[in-house]
């Protein structure tokens, strides 16, 4: 899409200098700047953090192992 934008001379000169120093076009600098600004306005997404689900205790109950637990879970459910 094409549009007309008024940019102060000093800002335009600085943006062109920035683009030239990095081997970019003015258009690329403008697009990068707009994307960056819009991303900041959307707010940074916080990374997912799994809550600590551990609890205090001394491990499994004596005499109870995984095969017995599995048997108790499926007892009466056709398992």
PDB file of N, CA and C in Angstrom:
ATOM      1  N   UNK A   1       0.840  -1.167   0.000  1.00  0.00           N
ATOM      2  CA  UNK A   1       0.000   0.000   0.000  1.00  0.00           C
ATOM      3  C   UNK A   1       0.890   1.237   0.000  1.00  0.00           C
ATOM      4  N   UNK A   2       0.523   2.205  -0.728  1.00  0.00           N
ATOM      5  CA  UNK A   2       1.284   3.443  -0.771  1.00  0.00           C
ATOM      6  C   UNK A   2       0.538   4.501   0.015  1.00  0.00           C
ATOM      7  N   UNK A   3       1.323   5.350   0.681  1.00  0.00           N
ATOM      8  CA  UNK A   3       0.738   6.449   1.432  1.00  0.00           C
ATOM      9  C   UNK A   3       1.748   7.584   1.500  1.00  0.00           C
ATOM     10  N   UNK A   4       1.291   8.740   1.875  1.00  0.00           N
ATOM     11  CA  UNK A   4       2.169   9.893   2.014  1.00  0.00           C
ATOM     12  C   UNK A   4       2.273  10.226   3.488  1.00  0.00           C
ATOM     13  N   UNK A   5       3.503  10.409   3.943  1.00  0.00           N
ATOM     14  CA  UNK A   5       3.748  10.720   5.343  1.00  0.00           C
ATOM     15  C   UNK A   5       4.673  11.916   5.406  1.00  0.00           C
ATOM     16  N   UNK A   6       4.360  12.860   6.286  1.00  0.00           N
ATOM     17  CA  UNK A   6       5.237  14.012   6.474  1.00  0.00           C
ATOM     18  C   UNK A   6       6.182  13.703   7.622  1.00  0.00           C
ATOM     19  N   UNK A   7       7.486  13.777   7.326  1.00  0.00           N
ATOM     20  CA  UNK A   7       8.523  13.486   8.309  1.00  0.00           C
ATOM     21  C   UNK A   7       9.442  14.704   8.392  1.00  0.00           C
ATOM     22  N   UNK A   8       9.743  15.166   9.589  1.00  0.00           N
ATOM     23  CA  UNK A   8      10.651  16.312   9.723  1.00  0.00           C
ATOM     24  C   UNK A   8      11.989  16.024   9.027  1.00  0.00           C
ATOM     25  N   UNK A   9      12.569  17.039   8.437  1.00  0.00           N
ATOM     26  CA  UNK A   9      13.812  16.893   7.675  1.00  0.00           C
ATOM     27  C   UNK A   9      14.923  16.229   8.486  1.00  0.00           C
ATOM     28  N   UNK A  10      15.099  16.658   9.723  1.00  0.00           N
ATOM     29  CA  UNK A  10      16.175  16.119  10.552  1.00  0.00           C
ATOM     30  C   UNK A  10      15.971  14.622  10.813  1.00  0.00           C
ATOM     31  N   UNK A  11      14.729  14.235  11.064  1.00  0.00           N
ATOM     32  CA  UNK A  11      14.429  12.819  11.316  1.00  0.00           C
ATOM     33  C   UNK A  11      14.648  11.997  10.048  1.00  0.00           C
ATOM     34  N   UNK A  12      14.238  12.528   8.922  1.00  0.00           N
ATOM     35  CA  UNK A  12      14.426  11.837   7.644  1.00  0.00           C
ATOM     36  C   UNK A  12      15.910  11.645   7.355  1.00  0.00           C
ATOM     37  N   UNK A  13      16.702  12.681   7.582  1.00  0.00           N
ATOM     38  CA  UNK A  13      18.141  12.598   7.335  1.00  0.00           C
ATOM     39  C   UNK A  13      18.780  11.546   8.249  1.00  0.00           C
ATOM     40  N   UNK A  14      18.362  11.530   9.510  1.00  0.00           N
ATOM     41  CA  UNK A  14      18.904  10.550  10.456  1.00  0.00           C
ATOM     42  C   UNK A  14      18.506   9.131  10.062  1.00  0.00           C
ATOM     43  N   UNK A  15      17.262   8.946   9.639  1.00  0.00           N
ATOM     44  CA  UNK A  15      16.788   7.622   9.230  1.00  0.00           C
ATOM     45  C   UNK A  15      17.521   7.143   7.975  1.00  0.00           C
ATOM     46  N   UNK A  16      17.755   8.024   7.028  1.00  0.00           N
ATOM     47  CA  UNK A  16      18.483   7.645   5.808  1.00  0.00           C
ATOM     48  C   UNK A  16      19.935   7.293   6.120  1.00  0.00           C
ATOM     49  N   UNK A  17      20.537   8.044   7.030  1.00  0.00           N
ATOM     50  CA  UNK A  17      21.912   7.767   7.439  1.00  0.00           C
ATOM     51  C   UNK A  17      21.982   6.405   8.131  1.00  0.00           C
ATOM     52  N   UNK A  18      21.021   6.140   8.991  1.00  0.00           N
ATOM     53  CA  UNK A  18      20.934   4.856   9.695  1.00  0.00           C
ATOM     54  C   UNK A  18      20.796   3.707   8.688  1.00  0.00           C
ATOM     55  N   UNK A  19      19.902   3.876   7.718  1.00  0.00           N
ATOM     56  CA  UNK A  19      19.665   2.848   6.697  1.00  0.00           C
ATOM     57  C   UNK A  19      20.932   2.601   5.865  1.00  0.00           C
ATOM     58  N   UNK A  20      21.563   3.657   5.430  1.00  0.00           N
ATOM     59  CA  UNK A  20      22.762   3.532   4.591  1.00  0.00           C
ATOM     60  C   UNK A  20      23.890   2.822   5.330  1.00  0.00           C
ATOM     61  N   UNK A  21      24.039   3.131   6.600  1.00  0.00           N
ATOM     62  CA  UNK A  21      25.108   2.524   7.391  1.00  0.00           C
ATOM     63  C   UNK A  21      24.901   1.019   7.565  1.00  0.00           C
ATOM     64  N   UNK A  22      23.667   0.566   7.426  1.00  0.00           N
ATOM     65  CA  UNK A  22      23.346  -0.853   7.634  1.00  0.00           C
ATOM     66  C   UNK A  22      22.984  -1.579   6.339  1.00  0.00           C
ATOM     67  N   UNK A  23      23.094  -0.870   5.241  1.00  0.00           N
ATOM     68  CA  UNK A  23      22.775  -1.490   3.951  1.00  0.00           C
ATOM     69  C   UNK A  23      21.295  -1.772   3.778  1.00  0.00           C
ATOM     70  N   UNK A  24      20.471  -0.923   4.377  1.00  0.00           N
ATOM     71  CA  UNK A  24      19.018  -1.084   4.299  1.00  0.00           C
ATOM     72  C   UNK A  24      18.415   0.050   3.487  1.00  0.00           C
ATOM     73  N   UNK A  25      17.197  -0.142   3.044  1.00  0.00           N
ATOM     74  CA  UNK A  25      16.476   0.940   2.395  1.00  0.00           C
ATOM     75  C   UNK A  25      15.717   1.714   3.461  1.00  0.00           C
ATOM     76  N   UNK A  26      15.323   2.930   3.119  1.00  0.00           N
ATOM     77  CA  UNK A  26      14.517   3.714   4.060  1.00  0.00           C
ATOM     78  C   UNK A  26      13.217   2.977   4.367  1.00  0.00           C
ATOM     79  N   UNK A  27      12.653   2.361   3.345  1.00  0.00           N
ATOM     80  CA  UNK A  27      11.393   1.616   3.526  1.00  0.00           C
ATOM     81  C   UNK A  27      11.565   0.501   4.564  1.00  0.00           C
ATOM     82  N   UNK A  28      12.679  -0.226   4.502  1.00  0.00           N
ATOM     83  CA  UNK A  28      12.932  -1.305   5.462  1.00  0.00           C
ATOM     84  C   UNK A  28      13.045  -0.760   6.890  1.00  0.00           C
ATOM     85  N   UNK A  29      13.732   0.371   7.028  1.00  0.00           N
ATOM     86  CA  UNK A  29      13.867   0.992   8.351  1.00  0.00           C
ATOM     87  C   UNK A  29      12.502   1.429   8.861  1.00  0.00           C
ATOM     88  N   UNK A  30      11.700   2.022   8.002  1.00  0.00           N
ATOM     89  CA  UNK A  30      10.371   2.471   8.392  1.00  0.00           C
ATOM     90  C   UNK A  30       9.499   1.284   8.816  1.00  0.00           C
ATOM     91  N   UNK A  31       9.515   0.205   8.030  1.00  0.00           N
ATOM     92  CA  UNK A  31       8.725  -0.987   8.379  1.00  0.00           C
ATOM     93  C   UNK A  31       9.186  -1.585   9.708  1.00  0.00           C
ATOM     94  N   UNK A  32      10.505  -1.711   9.884  1.00  0.00           N
ATOM     95  CA  UNK A  32      11.032  -2.276  11.136  1.00  0.00           C
ATOM     96  C   UNK A  32      10.596  -1.418  12.328  1.00  0.00           C
ATOM     97  N   UNK A  33      10.655  -0.109  12.157  1.00  0.00           N
ATOM     98  CA  UNK A  33      10.294   0.803  13.239  1.00  0.00           C
ATOM     99  C   UNK A  33       8.816   0.692  13.587  1.00  0.00           C
ATOM    100  N   UNK A  34       7.973   0.628  12.576  1.00  0.00           N
ATOM    101  CA  UNK A  34       6.532   0.497  12.819  1.00  0.00           C
ATOM    102  C   UNK A  34       6.212  -0.832  13.510  1.00  0.00           C
ATOM    103  N   UNK A  35       6.808  -1.915  13.011  1.00  0.00           N
ATOM    104  CA  UNK A  35       6.565  -3.223  13.631  1.00  0.00           C
ATOM    105  C   UNK A  35       7.015  -3.242  15.088  1.00  0.00           C
ATOM    106  N   UNK A  36       8.177  -2.677  15.344  1.00  0.00           N
ATOM    107  CA  UNK A  36       8.711  -2.643  16.704  1.00  0.00           C
ATOM    108  C   UNK A  36       7.790  -1.844  17.631  1.00  0.00           C
ATOM    109  N   UNK A  37       7.354  -0.686  17.170  1.00  0.00           N
ATOM    110  CA  UNK A  37       6.462   0.152  17.972  1.00  0.00           C
ATOM    111  C   UNK A  37       5.143  -0.545  18.261  1.00  0.00           C
ATOM    112  N   UNK A  38       4.569  -1.175  17.250  1.00  0.00           N
ATOM    113  CA  UNK A  38       3.288  -1.860  17.439  1.00  0.00           C
ATOM    114  C   UNK A  38       3.430  -3.067  18.363  1.00  0.00           C
ATOM    115  N   UNK A  39       4.540  -3.777  18.257  1.00  0.00           N
ATOM    116  CA  UNK A  39       4.782  -4.937  19.126  1.00  0.00           C
ATOM    117  C   UNK A  39       4.886  -4.487  20.587  1.00  0.00           C
ATOM    118  N   UNK A  40       5.576  -3.384  20.812  1.00  0.00           N
ATOM    119  CA  UNK A  40       5.705  -2.864  22.179  1.00  0.00           C
ATOM    120  C   UNK A  40       4.352  -2.448  22.734  1.00  0.00           C
ATOM    121  N   UNK A  41       3.519  -1.868  21.908  1.00  0.00           N
ATOM    122  CA  UNK A  41       2.190  -1.437  22.361  1.00  0.00           C
ATOM    123  C   UNK A  41       1.296  -2.624  22.703  1.00  0.00           C
ATOM    124  N   UNK A  42       1.472  -3.734  21.983  1.00  0.00           N
ATOM    125  CA  UNK A  42       0.682  -4.932  22.278  1.00  0.00           C
ATOM    126  C   UNK A  42       1.060  -5.505  23.632  1.00  0.00           C
ATOM    127  N   UNK A  43       2.247  -5.168  24.065  1.00  0.00           N
ATOM    128  CA  UNK A  43       2.727  -5.682  25.341  1.00  0.00           C
ATOM    129  C   UNK A  43       3.511  -6.953  25.126  1.00  0.00           C
ATOM    130  N   UNK A  44       4.563  -7.047  25.851  1.00  0.00           N
ATOM    131  CA  UNK A  44       5.395  -8.244  25.749  1.00  0.00           C
ATOM    132  C   UNK A  44       4.670  -9.418  26.395  1.00  0.00           C
ATOM    133  N   UNK A  45       4.647 -10.514  25.686  1.00  0.00           N
ATOM    134  CA  UNK A  45       4.010 -11.716  26.218  1.00  0.00           C
ATOM    135  C   UNK A  45       4.956 -12.361  27.205  1.00  0.00           C
ATOM    136  N   UNK A  46       4.413 -12.674  28.377  1.00  0.00           N
ATOM    137  CA  UNK A  46       5.233 -13.326  29.383  1.00  0.00           C
ATOM    138  C   UNK A  46       5.394 -14.794  29.018  1.00  0.00           C
ATOM    139  N   UNK A  47       6.590 -15.314  29.175  1.00  0.00           N
ATOM    140  CA  UNK A  47       6.790 -16.729  28.868  1.00  0.00           C
ATOM    141  C   UNK A  47       6.024 -17.600  29.870  1.00  0.00           C
ATOM    142  N   UNK A  48       5.580 -18.744  29.396  1.00  0.00           N
ATOM    143  CA  UNK A  48       4.854 -19.674  30.254  1.00  0.00           C
ATOM    144  C   UNK A  48       5.763 -20.154  31.365  1.00  0.00           C
ATOM    145  N   UNK A  49       5.236 -20.181  32.574  1.00  0.00           N
ATOM    146  CA  UNK A  49       6.007 -20.668  33.706  1.00  0.00           C
ATOM    147  C   UNK A  49       5.146 -21.685  34.447  1.00  0.00           C
ATOM    148  N   UNK A  50       5.644 -22.895  34.514  1.00  0.00           N
ATOM    149  CA  UNK A  50       4.933 -23.965  35.201  1.00  0.00           C
ATOM    150  C   UNK A  50       5.065 -23.750  36.699  1.00  0.00           C
ATOM    151  N   UNK A  51       3.928 -23.751  37.383  1.00  0.00           N
ATOM    152  CA  UNK A  51       3.990 -23.534  38.822  1.00  0.00           C
ATOM    153  C   UNK A  51       4.581 -24.752  39.511  1.00  0.00           C
ATOM    154  N   UNK A  52       5.141 -24.530  40.673  1.00  0.00           N
ATOM    155  CA  UNK A  52       5.749 -25.613  41.445  1.00  0.00           C
ATOM    156  C   UNK A  52       4.634 -26.461  42.039  1.00  0.00           C
ATOM    157  N   UNK A  53       4.513 -27.684  41.598  1.00  0.00           N
ATOM    158  CA  UNK A  53       3.452 -28.586  42.077  1.00  0.00           C
ATOM    159  C   UNK A  53       3.948 -29.566  43.126  1.00  0.00           C
ATOM    160  N   UNK A  54       5.164 -29.355  43.604  1.00  0.00           N
ATOM    161  CA  UNK A  54       5.702 -30.287  44.588  1.00  0.00           C
ATOM    162  C   UNK A  54       5.059 -30.039  45.951  1.00  0.00           C
ATOM    163  N   UNK A  55       5.170 -31.030  46.809  1.00  0.00           N
ATOM    164  CA  UNK A  55       4.618 -30.905  48.153  1.00  0.00           C
ATOM    165  C   UNK A  55       5.550 -31.607  49.120  1.00  0.00           C
ATOM    166  N   UNK A  56       5.378 -31.281  50.387  1.00  0.00           N
ATOM    167  CA  UNK A  56       6.245 -31.867  51.409  1.00  0.00           C
ATOM    168  C   UNK A  56       5.772 -33.280  51.720  1.00  0.00           C
ATOM    169  N   UNK A  57       6.696 -34.108  52.051  1.00  0.00           N
ATOM    170  CA  UNK A  57       6.364 -35.479  52.392  1.00  0.00           C
ATOM    171  C   UNK A  57       7.598 -36.346  52.317  1.00  0.00           C
ATOM    172  N   UNK A  58       7.402 -37.616  52.578  1.00  0.00           N
ATOM    173  CA  UNK A  58       8.528 -38.545  52.591  1.00  0.00           C
ATOM    174  C   UNK A  58       8.433 -39.571  51.462  1.00  0.00           C
ATOM    175  N   UNK A  59       7.773 -39.219  50.403  1.00  0.00           N
ATOM    176  CA  UNK A  59       7.678 -40.131  49.275  1.00  0.00           C
ATOM    177  C   UNK A  59       6.455 -41.035  49.389  1.00  0.00           C
ATOM    178  N   UNK A  60       6.532 -42.184  48.733  1.00  0.00           N
ATOM    179  CA  UNK A  60       5.394 -43.100  48.682  1.00  0.00           C
ATOM    180  C   UNK A  60       5.188 -43.809  50.018  1.00  0.00           C
ATOM    181  N   UNK A  61       3.963 -44.188  50.254  1.00  0.00           N
ATOM    182  CA  UNK A  61       3.614 -44.939  51.456  1.00  0.00           C
ATOM    183  C   UNK A  61       4.298 -46.303  51.417  1.00  0.00           C
ATOM    184  N   UNK A  62       4.891 -46.720  52.524  1.00  0.00           N
ATOM    185  CA  UNK A  62       5.545 -48.034  52.540  1.00  0.00           C
ATOM    186  C   UNK A  62       4.573 -49.149  52.130  1.00  0.00           C
ATOM    187  N   UNK A  63       5.063 -50.091  51.330  1.00  0.00           N
ATOM    188  CA  UNK A  63       4.245 -51.211  50.881  1.00  0.00           C
ATOM    189  C   UNK A  63       3.380 -50.899  49.673  1.00  0.00           C
ATOM    190  N   UNK A  64       3.460 -49.661  49.167  1.00  0.00           N
ATOM    191  CA  UNK A  64       2.652 -49.271  48.016  1.00  0.00           C
ATOM    192  C   UNK A  64       3.609 -48.953  46.867  1.00  0.00           C
ATOM    193  N   UNK A  65       3.468 -49.658  45.762  1.00  0.00           N
ATOM    194  CA  UNK A  65       4.314 -49.395  44.602  1.00  0.00           C
ATOM    195  C   UNK A  65       3.425 -49.095  43.403  1.00  0.00           C
ATOM    196  N   UNK A  66       4.031 -48.729  42.265  1.00  0.00           N
ATOM    197  CA  UNK A  66       3.253 -48.322  41.094  1.00  0.00           C
ATOM    198  C   UNK A  66       2.308 -49.393  40.560  1.00  0.00           C
ATOM    199  N   UNK A  67       2.687 -50.663  40.497  1.00  0.00           N
ATOM    200  CA  UNK A  67       1.722 -51.667  40.041  1.00  0.00           C
ATOM    201  C   UNK A  67       0.490 -51.746  40.957  1.00  0.00           C
ATOM    202  N   UNK A  68       0.688 -51.617  42.268  1.00  0.00           N
ATOM    203  CA  UNK A  68      -0.451 -51.638  43.201  1.00  0.00           C
ATOM    204  C   UNK A  68      -1.319 -50.394  43.032  1.00  0.00           C
ATOM    205  N   UNK A  69      -0.670 -49.247  42.826  1.00  0.00           N
ATOM    206  CA  UNK A  69      -1.432 -48.003  42.618  1.00  0.00           C
ATOM    207  C   UNK A  69      -2.279 -48.111  41.359  1.00  0.00           C
ATOM    208  N   UNK A  70      -1.683 -48.629  40.263  1.00  0.00           N
ATOM    209  CA  UNK A  70      -2.407 -48.794  39.013  1.00  0.00           C
ATOM    210  C   UNK A  70      -3.604 -49.713  39.196  1.00  0.00           C
ATOM    211  N   UNK A  71      -3.422 -50.800  39.935  1.00  0.00           N
ATOM    212  CA  UNK A  71      -4.504 -51.747  40.202  1.00  0.00           C
ATOM    213  C   UNK A  71      -5.639 -51.063  40.963  1.00  0.00           C
ATOM    214  N   UNK A  72      -5.286 -50.234  41.954  1.00  0.00           N
ATOM    215  CA  UNK A  72      -6.311 -49.549  42.739  1.00  0.00           C
ATOM    216  C   UNK A  72      -7.053 -48.512  41.894  1.00  0.00           C
ATOM    217  N   UNK A  73      -6.343 -47.845  41.009  1.00  0.00           N
ATOM    218  CA  UNK A  73      -6.973 -46.826  40.165  1.00  0.00           C
ATOM    219  C   UNK A  73      -8.041 -47.454  39.258  1.00  0.00           C
ATOM    220  N   UNK A  74      -7.713 -48.598  38.647  1.00  0.00           N
ATOM    221  CA  UNK A  74      -8.619 -49.218  37.691  1.00  0.00           C
ATOM    222  C   UNK A  74      -9.597 -50.201  38.321  1.00  0.00           C
ATOM    223  N   UNK A  75      -9.500 -50.441  39.605  1.00  0.00           N
ATOM    224  CA  UNK A  75     -10.384 -51.375  40.291  1.00  0.00           C
ATOM    225  C   UNK A  75     -11.836 -50.953  40.101  1.00  0.00           C
ATOM    226  N   UNK A  76     -12.677 -51.846  39.604  1.00  0.00           N
ATOM    227  CA  UNK A  76     -14.082 -51.554  39.387  1.00  0.00           C
ATOM    228  C   UNK A  76     -14.370 -50.816  38.093  1.00  0.00           C
ATOM    229  N   UNK A  77     -13.348 -50.606  37.267  1.00  0.00           N
ATOM    230  CA  UNK A  77     -13.535 -49.900  35.993  1.00  0.00           C
ATOM    231  C   UNK A  77     -13.175 -50.791  34.805  1.00  0.00           C
ATOM    232  N   UNK A  78     -13.212 -52.074  35.029  1.00  0.00           N
ATOM    233  CA  UNK A  78     -12.945 -53.033  33.941  1.00  0.00           C
ATOM    234  C   UNK A  78     -11.480 -53.193  33.622  1.00  0.00           C
ATOM    235  N   UNK A  79     -10.588 -52.732  34.474  1.00  0.00           N
ATOM    236  CA  UNK A  79      -9.170 -52.783  34.157  1.00  0.00           C
ATOM    237  C   UNK A  79      -8.427 -53.879  34.854  1.00  0.00           C
TER     238      UNK A  79
END
